[in-house]
Amino acid sequence: MSQLDQARVRVRAILESAADRSLVTSQVRTALRYNVASFLEADVEFVDRLPTGPQAKFRVVEPLS
């Protein structure tokens, strides 16, 4: 997740091919508004891989079964 400004973040996510992107986008936005800040807007970007190397910073979050 990258902060774009005081009220907006970008979330990059890797999904399984069968995942519903619109559902995941909605769930991410809802979770951030409920758990972080009600005013927070999120741009959700789906990627094939996350950056690696010494400058790369990311956290792996796996869904609960």
PDB file of N, CA and C in Angstrom:
ATOM      1  N   MET A   1       0.848  -1.160   0.000  1.00  0.00           N
ATOM      2  CA  MET A   1       0.000   0.000   0.000  1.00  0.00           C
ATOM      3  C   MET A   1       0.898   1.229   0.000  1.00  0.00           C
ATOM      4  N   SER A   2       0.560   2.204  -0.822  1.00  0.00           N
ATOM      5  CA  SER A   2       1.298   3.459  -0.907  1.00  0.00           C
ATOM      6  C   SER A   2       0.333   4.602  -0.648  1.00  0.00           C
ATOM      7  N   GLN A   3       0.753   5.556   0.157  1.00  0.00           N
ATOM      8  CA  GLN A   3      -0.083   6.720   0.411  1.00  0.00           C
ATOM      9  C   GLN A   3       0.107   7.723  -0.719  1.00  0.00           C
ATOM     10  N   LEU A   4      -0.989   8.121  -1.354  1.00  0.00           N
ATOM     11  CA  LEU A   4      -0.943   9.067  -2.460  1.00  0.00           C
ATOM     12  C   LEU A   4      -1.159  10.492  -1.978  1.00  0.00           C
ATOM     13  N   ASP A   5      -2.027  10.665  -1.002  1.00  0.00           N
ATOM     14  CA  ASP A   5      -2.221  11.942  -0.318  1.00  0.00           C
ATOM     15  C   ASP A   5      -2.884  11.638   1.019  1.00  0.00           C
ATOM     16  N   GLN A   6      -3.346  12.647   1.720  1.00  0.00           N
ATOM     17  CA  GLN A   6      -3.864  12.430   3.080  1.00  0.00           C
ATOM     18  C   GLN A   6      -5.094  11.524   3.125  1.00  0.00           C
ATOM     19  N   ALA A   7      -5.840  11.459   2.047  1.00  0.00           N
ATOM     20  CA  ALA A   7      -7.079  10.688   2.075  1.00  0.00           C
ATOM     21  C   ALA A   7      -7.127   9.580   1.024  1.00  0.00           C
ATOM     22  N   ARG A   8      -5.991   9.272   0.402  1.00  0.00           N
ATOM     23  CA  ARG A   8      -6.003   8.276  -0.681  1.00  0.00           C
ATOM     24  C   ARG A   8      -4.747   7.403  -0.628  1.00  0.00           C
ATOM     25  N   VAL A   9      -4.987   6.099  -0.840  1.00  0.00           N
ATOM     26  CA  VAL A   9      -3.888   5.138  -0.892  1.00  0.00           C
ATOM     27  C   VAL A   9      -4.012   4.283  -2.152  1.00  0.00           C
ATOM     28  N   ARG A  10      -2.910   3.663  -2.533  1.00  0.00           N
ATOM     29  CA  ARG A  10      -2.907   2.697  -3.627  1.00  0.00           C
ATOM     30  C   ARG A  10      -2.563   1.350  -3.023  1.00  0.00           C
ATOM     31  N   VAL A  11      -3.388   0.375  -3.303  1.00  0.00           N
ATOM     32  CA  VAL A  11      -3.151  -0.992  -2.847  1.00  0.00           C
ATOM     33  C   VAL A  11      -2.845  -1.834  -4.077  1.00  0.00           C
ATOM     34  N   ARG A  12      -1.734  -2.544  -4.050  1.00  0.00           N
ATOM     35  CA  ARG A  12      -1.390  -3.459  -5.132  1.00  0.00           C
ATOM     36  C   ARG A  12      -1.614  -4.873  -4.632  1.00  0.00           C
ATOM     37  N   ALA A  13      -2.278  -5.678  -5.458  1.00  0.00           N
ATOM     38  CA  ALA A  13      -2.635  -7.021  -5.032  1.00  0.00           C
ATOM     39  C   ALA A  13      -2.403  -8.022  -6.151  1.00  0.00           C
ATOM     40  N   ILE A  14      -2.046  -9.225  -5.758  1.00  0.00           N
ATOM     41  CA  ILE A  14      -1.912 -10.341  -6.680  1.00  0.00           C
ATOM     42  C   ILE A  14      -3.086 -11.275  -6.384  1.00  0.00           C
ATOM     43  N   LEU A  15      -3.830 -11.609  -7.425  1.00  0.00           N
ATOM     44  CA  LEU A  15      -5.000 -12.473  -7.252  1.00  0.00           C
ATOM     45  C   LEU A  15      -4.840 -13.777  -8.015  1.00  0.00           C
ATOM     46  N   GLU A  16      -5.557 -14.785  -7.547  1.00  0.00           N
ATOM     47  CA  GLU A  16      -5.675 -16.006  -8.328  1.00  0.00           C
ATOM     48  C   GLU A  16      -6.503 -15.681  -9.559  1.00  0.00           C
ATOM     49  N   SER A  17      -6.306 -16.398 -10.616  1.00  0.00           N
ATOM     50  CA  SER A  17      -6.975 -16.075 -11.877  1.00  0.00           C
ATOM     51  C   SER A  17      -8.496 -16.123 -11.781  1.00  0.00           C
ATOM     52  N   ALA A  18      -9.044 -16.965 -10.930  1.00  0.00           N
ATOM     53  CA  ALA A  18     -10.501 -17.094 -10.817  1.00  0.00           C
ATOM     54  C   ALA A  18     -11.132 -16.047  -9.897  1.00  0.00           C
ATOM     55  N   ALA A  19     -10.329 -15.233  -9.239  1.00  0.00           N
ATOM     56  CA  ALA A  19     -10.858 -14.261  -8.281  1.00  0.00           C
ATOM     57  C   ALA A  19     -11.668 -13.176  -8.987  1.00  0.00           C
ATOM     58  N   ASP A  20     -12.694 -12.704  -8.314  1.00  0.00           N
ATOM     59  CA  ASP A  20     -13.553 -11.640  -8.824  1.00  0.00           C
ATOM     60  C   ASP A  20     -12.927 -10.299  -8.445  1.00  0.00           C
ATOM     61  N   ARG A  21     -12.363  -9.619  -9.415  1.00  0.00           N
ATOM     62  CA  ARG A  21     -11.639  -8.368  -9.149  1.00  0.00           C
ATOM     63  C   ARG A  21     -12.539  -7.284  -8.562  1.00  0.00           C
ATOM     64  N   SER A  22     -13.754  -7.165  -9.043  1.00  0.00           N
ATOM     65  CA  SER A  22     -14.632  -6.117  -8.518  1.00  0.00           C
ATOM     66  C   SER A  22     -15.015  -6.411  -7.070  1.00  0.00           C
ATOM     67  N   LEU A  23     -15.207  -7.671  -6.736  1.00  0.00           N
ATOM     68  CA  LEU A  23     -15.520  -8.037  -5.354  1.00  0.00           C
ATOM     69  C   LEU A  23     -14.329  -7.754  -4.443  1.00  0.00           C
ATOM     70  N   VAL A  24     -13.133  -8.125  -4.878  1.00  0.00           N
ATOM     71  CA  VAL A  24     -11.930  -7.880  -4.082  1.00  0.00           C
ATOM     72  C   VAL A  24     -11.722  -6.374  -3.893  1.00  0.00           C
ATOM     73  N   THR A  25     -11.910  -5.597  -4.942  1.00  0.00           N
ATOM     74  CA  THR A  25     -11.777  -4.144  -4.843  1.00  0.00           C
ATOM     75  C   THR A  25     -12.729  -3.592  -3.797  1.00  0.00           C
ATOM     76  N   SER A  26     -13.968  -4.016  -3.848  1.00  0.00           N
ATOM     77  CA  SER A  26     -14.967  -3.564  -2.874  1.00  0.00           C
ATOM     78  C   SER A  26     -14.585  -3.967  -1.458  1.00  0.00           C
ATOM     79  N   GLN A  27     -14.122  -5.180  -1.284  1.00  0.00           N
ATOM     80  CA  GLN A  27     -13.747  -5.669   0.048  1.00  0.00           C
ATOM     81  C   GLN A  27     -12.546  -4.908   0.602  1.00  0.00           C
ATOM     82  N   VAL A  28     -11.570  -4.608  -0.239  1.00  0.00           N
ATOM     83  CA  VAL A  28     -10.390  -3.849   0.201  1.00  0.00           C
ATOM     84  C   VAL A  28     -10.820  -2.452   0.644  1.00  0.00           C
ATOM     85  N   ARG A  29     -11.607  -1.787  -0.173  1.00  0.00           N
ATOM     86  CA  ARG A  29     -12.059  -0.434   0.161  1.00  0.00           C
ATOM     87  C   ARG A  29     -12.874  -0.412   1.447  1.00  0.00           C
ATOM     88  N   THR A  30     -13.769  -1.371   1.597  1.00  0.00           N
ATOM     89  CA  THR A  30     -14.592  -1.454   2.804  1.00  0.00           C
ATOM     90  C   THR A  30     -13.734  -1.712   4.035  1.00  0.00           C
ATOM     91  N   ALA A  31     -12.793  -2.634   3.928  1.00  0.00           N
ATOM     92  CA  ALA A  31     -11.924  -2.956   5.062  1.00  0.00           C
ATOM     93  C   ALA A  31     -11.101  -1.743   5.486  1.00  0.00           C
ATOM     94  N   LEU A  32     -10.564  -1.013   4.529  1.00  0.00           N
ATOM     95  CA  LEU A  32      -9.760   0.167   4.864  1.00  0.00           C
ATOM     96  C   LEU A  32     -10.615   1.249   5.516  1.00  0.00           C
ATOM     97  N   ARG A  33     -11.806   1.483   4.997  1.00  0.00           N
ATOM     98  CA  ARG A  33     -12.689   2.503   5.584  1.00  0.00           C
ATOM     99  C   ARG A  33     -13.133   2.110   6.985  1.00  0.00           C
ATOM    100  N   TYR A  34     -13.404   0.836   7.194  1.00  0.00           N
ATOM    101  CA  TYR A  34     -13.895   0.371   8.489  1.00  0.00           C
ATOM    102  C   TYR A  34     -12.771   0.255   9.519  1.00  0.00           C
ATOM    103  N   ASN A  35     -11.617  -0.241   9.104  1.00  0.00           N
ATOM    104  CA  ASN A  35     -10.530  -0.537  10.043  1.00  0.00           C
ATOM    105  C   ASN A  35      -9.460   0.540  10.157  1.00  0.00           C
ATOM    106  N   VAL A  36      -9.383   1.434   9.172  1.00  0.00           N
ATOM    107  CA  VAL A  36      -8.321   2.440   9.188  1.00  0.00           C
ATOM    108  C   VAL A  36      -8.900   3.829   9.366  1.00  0.00           C
ATOM    109  N   ALA A  37      -9.681   4.299   8.392  1.00  0.00           N
ATOM    110  CA  ALA A  37     -10.267   5.637   8.467  1.00  0.00           C
ATOM    111  C   ALA A  37     -11.482   5.692   7.545  1.00  0.00           C
ATOM    112  N   SER A  38     -12.579   6.203   8.036  1.00  0.00           N
ATOM    113  CA  SER A  38     -13.830   6.217   7.268  1.00  0.00           C
ATOM    114  C   SER A  38     -13.760   7.094   6.024  1.00  0.00           C
ATOM    115  N   PHE A  39     -12.856   8.061   6.008  1.00  0.00           N
ATOM    116  CA  PHE A  39     -12.741   8.973   4.868  1.00  0.00           C
ATOM    117  C   PHE A  39     -11.765   8.467   3.793  1.00  0.00           C
ATOM    118  N   LEU A  40     -11.092   7.366   4.057  1.00  0.00           N
ATOM    119  CA  LEU A  40     -10.014   6.899   3.191  1.00  0.00           C
ATOM    120  C   LEU A  40     -10.541   6.348   1.869  1.00  0.00           C
ATOM    121  N   GLU A  41      -9.957   6.807   0.775  1.00  0.00           N
ATOM    122  CA  GLU A  41     -10.239   6.293  -0.569  1.00  0.00           C
ATOM    123  C   GLU A  41      -9.075   5.404  -0.985  1.00  0.00           C
ATOM    124  N   ALA A  42      -9.375   4.365  -1.748  1.00  0.00           N
ATOM    125  CA  ALA A  42      -8.324   3.432  -2.159  1.00  0.00           C
ATOM    126  C   ALA A  42      -8.402   3.142  -3.646  1.00  0.00           C
ATOM    127  N   ASP A  43      -7.270   3.245  -4.313  1.00  0.00           N
ATOM    128  CA  ASP A  43      -7.129   2.772  -5.684  1.00  0.00           C
ATOM    129  C   ASP A  43      -6.557   1.364  -5.570  1.00  0.00           C
ATOM    130  N   VAL A  44      -7.242   0.396  -6.128  1.00  0.00           N
ATOM    131  CA  VAL A  44      -6.779  -0.988  -6.060  1.00  0.00           C
ATOM    132  C   VAL A  44      -6.235  -1.370  -7.435  1.00  0.00           C
ATOM    133  N   GLU A  45      -4.987  -1.797  -7.435  1.00  0.00           N
ATOM    134  CA  GLU A  45      -4.297  -2.160  -8.679  1.00  0.00           C
ATOM    135  C   GLU A  45      -3.904  -3.631  -8.603  1.00  0.00           C
ATOM    136  N   PHE A  46      -4.259  -4.389  -9.611  1.00  0.00           N
ATOM    137  CA  PHE A  46      -3.915  -5.806  -9.651  1.00  0.00           C
ATOM    138  C   PHE A  46      -2.668  -5.983 -10.500  1.00  0.00           C
ATOM    139  N   VAL A  47      -1.695  -6.676  -9.928  1.00  0.00           N
ATOM    140  CA  VAL A  47      -0.398  -6.860 -10.581  1.00  0.00           C
ATOM    141  C   VAL A  47      -0.045  -8.339 -10.625  1.00  0.00           C
ATOM    142  N   ASP A  48       0.913  -8.672 -11.481  1.00  0.00           N
ATOM    143  CA  ASP A  48       1.376 -10.055 -11.588  1.00  0.00           C
ATOM    144  C   ASP A  48       2.450 -10.386 -10.559  1.00  0.00           C
ATOM    145  N   ARG A  49       3.178  -9.344 -10.120  1.00  0.00           N
ATOM    146  CA  ARG A  49       4.227  -9.550  -9.113  1.00  0.00           C
ATOM    147  C   ARG A  49       4.492  -8.242  -8.391  1.00  0.00           C
ATOM    148  N   LEU A  50       5.100  -8.356  -7.238  1.00  0.00           N
ATOM    149  CA  LEU A  50       5.467  -7.188  -6.441  1.00  0.00           C
ATOM    150  C   LEU A  50       6.956  -6.941  -6.591  1.00  0.00           C
ATOM    151  N   PRO A  51       7.394  -5.697  -6.431  1.00  0.00           N
ATOM    152  CA  PRO A  51       8.822  -5.387  -6.563  1.00  0.00           C
ATOM    153  C   PRO A  51       9.674  -6.168  -5.560  1.00  0.00           C
ATOM    154  N   THR A  52      10.890  -6.472  -5.963  1.00  0.00           N
ATOM    155  CA  THR A  52      11.834  -7.145  -5.072  1.00  0.00           C
ATOM    156  C   THR A  52      13.105  -6.309  -4.977  1.00  0.00           C
ATOM    157  N   GLY A  53      13.967  -6.669  -4.071  1.00  0.00           N
ATOM    158  CA  GLY A  53      15.234  -5.963  -3.921  1.00  0.00           C
ATOM    159  C   GLY A  53      15.271  -5.120  -2.667  1.00  0.00           C
ATOM    160  N   PRO A  54      16.382  -4.431  -2.437  1.00  0.00           N
ATOM    161  CA  PRO A  54      16.576  -3.693  -1.185  1.00  0.00           C
ATOM    162  C   PRO A  54      15.602  -2.526  -0.988  1.00  0.00           C
ATOM    163  N   GLN A  55      15.095  -1.942  -2.053  1.00  0.00           N
ATOM    164  CA  GLN A  55      14.157  -0.825  -1.930  1.00  0.00           C
ATOM    165  C   GLN A  55      12.701  -1.284  -1.837  1.00  0.00           C
ATOM    166  N   ALA A  56      12.454  -2.552  -2.098  1.00  0.00           N
ATOM    167  CA  ALA A  56      11.089  -3.074  -2.109  1.00  0.00           C
ATOM    168  C   ALA A  56      10.572  -3.249  -0.688  1.00  0.00           C
ATOM    169  N   LYS A  57       9.377  -2.765  -0.476  1.00  0.00           N
ATOM    170  CA  LYS A  57       8.726  -2.928   0.823  1.00  0.00           C
ATOM    171  C   LYS A  57       7.314  -3.412   0.560  1.00  0.00           C
ATOM    172  N   PHE A  58       6.975  -4.564   1.085  1.00  0.00           N
ATOM    173  CA  PHE A  58       5.616  -5.049   0.942  1.00  0.00           C
ATOM    174  C   PHE A  58       5.303  -6.007   2.073  1.00  0.00           C
ATOM    175  N   ARG A  59       4.043  -6.202   2.298  1.00  0.00           N
ATOM    176  CA  ARG A  59       3.572  -7.121   3.335  1.00  0.00           C
ATOM    177  C   ARG A  59       2.631  -8.113   2.669  1.00  0.00           C
ATOM    178  N   VAL A  60       2.850  -9.364   2.937  1.00  0.00           N
ATOM    179  CA  VAL A  60       1.981 -10.405   2.409  1.00  0.00           C
ATOM    180  C   VAL A  60       0.795 -10.551   3.364  1.00  0.00           C
ATOM    181  N   VAL A  61      -0.401 -10.461   2.804  1.00  0.00           N
ATOM    182  CA  VAL A  61      -1.623 -10.658   3.593  1.00  0.00           C
ATOM    183  C   VAL A  61      -2.394 -11.768   2.926  1.00  0.00           C
ATOM    184  N   GLU A  62      -2.616 -12.842   3.673  1.00  0.00           N
ATOM    185  CA  GLU A  62      -3.360 -13.974   3.123  1.00  0.00           C
ATOM    186  C   GLU A  62      -4.728 -14.027   3.757  1.00  0.00           C
ATOM    187  N   PRO A  63      -5.763 -14.340   2.976  1.00  0.00           N
ATOM    188  CA  PRO A  63      -7.120 -14.400   3.524  1.00  0.00           C
ATOM    189  C   PRO A  63      -7.276 -15.564   4.495  1.00  0.00           C
ATOM    190  N   LEU A  64      -8.187 -15.394   5.458  1.00  0.00           N
ATOM    191  CA  LEU A  64      -8.502 -16.479   6.363  1.00  0.00           C
ATOM    192  C   LEU A  64      -9.328 -17.518   5.623  1.00  0.00           C
ATOM    193  N   SER A  65      -9.169 -18.756   5.981  1.00  0.00           N
ATOM    194  CA  SER A  65      -9.930 -19.835   5.312  1.00  0.00           C
ATOM    195  C   SER A  65     -11.379 -19.792   5.716  1.00  0.00           C
TER     196      SER A  65
END
